């Protein structure tokens, strides 16, 4: 089981990224928890300065842009998910 986090400020783009990540996990039938984090203290803990950001198993893999569902799937495949 993996852990995927979407870090954001609660804006439209961040919500869109969260939905795209959930859809990618569903499409790939992954056993992964997807969490949406808007707590700025937690976000800063990852050293993220531009959002939305995606964290896979505690490693920041994308930040500052909204990835489409297919792009998220590709990213997860690269990470061995």
Protein backbone atom coordinates (compact mmCIF):
# COMPACT_ATOMS: atom_id res chain seq x y z
CA UNK A 1 0.00 0.00 0.00
CA UNK A 2 1.28 3.45 -0.86
CA UNK A 3 0.62 6.88 0.44
CA UNK A 4 -0.01 9.73 -1.96
CA UNK A 5 -0.54 13.27 -0.78
CA UNK A 6 -1.69 16.31 -2.67
CA UNK A 7 -0.46 19.49 -1.04
CA UNK A 8 -2.43 22.62 -1.73
CA UNK A 9 -3.94 25.84 -0.50
CA UNK A 10 -7.53 24.78 -1.14
CA UNK A 11 -7.68 26.62 -4.47
CA UNK A 12 -9.45 25.38 -7.61
CA UNK A 13 -6.20 24.10 -9.18
CA UNK A 14 -5.31 22.19 -6.02
CA UNK A 15 -8.76 20.56 -5.86
CA UNK A 16 -8.43 19.64 -9.53
CA UNK A 17 -5.05 18.01 -8.85
CA UNK A 18 -6.52 16.05 -5.95
CA UNK A 19 -9.36 14.75 -8.15
CA UNK A 20 -6.90 13.82 -10.95
CA UNK A 21 -4.71 11.88 -8.50
CA UNK A 22 -7.72 10.02 -7.07
CA UNK A 23 -8.86 9.14 -10.60
CA UNK A 24 -5.36 7.91 -11.56
CA UNK A 25 -5.19 5.68 -8.47
CA UNK A 26 -8.65 4.32 -9.31
CA UNK A 27 -7.74 3.75 -13.00
CA UNK A 28 -4.62 1.85 -11.99
CA UNK A 29 -6.43 -0.14 -9.27
CA UNK A 30 -3.74 0.88 -6.79
CA UNK A 31 -4.03 0.12 -3.10
CA UNK A 32 -3.05 3.63 -2.07
CA UNK A 33 -4.43 6.24 0.28
CA UNK A 34 -4.79 9.67 -1.28
CA UNK A 35 -4.75 12.53 1.20
CA UNK A 36 -5.35 16.23 0.53
CA UNK A 37 -3.30 18.46 2.82
CA UNK A 38 -3.99 22.18 3.15
CA UNK A 39 -2.25 22.74 6.51
CA UNK A 40 0.51 25.19 5.55
CA UNK A 41 2.81 23.98 8.34
CA UNK A 42 2.67 20.43 6.94
CA UNK A 43 3.09 21.72 3.36
CA UNK A 44 6.17 23.74 4.35
CA UNK A 45 7.55 20.61 6.04
CA UNK A 46 7.97 19.15 2.55
CA UNK A 47 9.84 22.25 1.37
CA UNK A 48 7.13 22.97 -1.19
CA UNK A 49 6.87 26.59 -2.25
CA UNK A 50 4.53 26.31 -5.23
CA UNK A 51 1.31 24.36 -5.26
CA UNK A 52 -0.28 22.05 -6.03
CA UNK A 53 2.30 19.42 -5.21
CA UNK A 54 2.19 15.64 -5.24
CA UNK A 55 4.03 13.54 -2.65
CA UNK A 56 4.46 9.80 -3.21
CA UNK A 57 5.71 7.79 -0.23
CA UNK A 58 7.06 10.96 1.42
CA UNK A 59 8.94 12.17 -1.69
CA UNK A 60 7.84 15.29 -3.58
CA UNK A 61 7.43 14.23 -7.21
CA UNK A 62 5.63 17.23 -8.72
CA UNK A 63 4.96 20.83 -7.77
CA UNK A 64 3.64 24.04 -9.23
CA UNK A 65 1.47 22.54 -11.95
CA UNK A 66 -1.75 20.59 -12.34
CA UNK A 67 -1.06 17.21 -13.92
CA UNK A 68 -3.78 15.54 -15.95
CA UNK A 69 -4.91 12.08 -14.87
CA UNK A 70 -2.81 10.34 -17.55
CA UNK A 71 0.27 12.33 -16.46
CA UNK A 72 -0.30 11.29 -12.85
CA UNK A 73 -0.60 7.65 -13.95
CA UNK A 74 2.72 7.94 -15.80
CA UNK A 75 4.35 9.53 -12.76
CA UNK A 76 3.09 6.75 -10.50
CA UNK A 77 4.33 4.07 -12.92
CA UNK A 78 7.78 5.71 -12.91
CA UNK A 79 7.73 5.50 -9.11
CA UNK A 80 6.92 1.80 -9.21
CA UNK A 81 3.39 2.17 -7.87
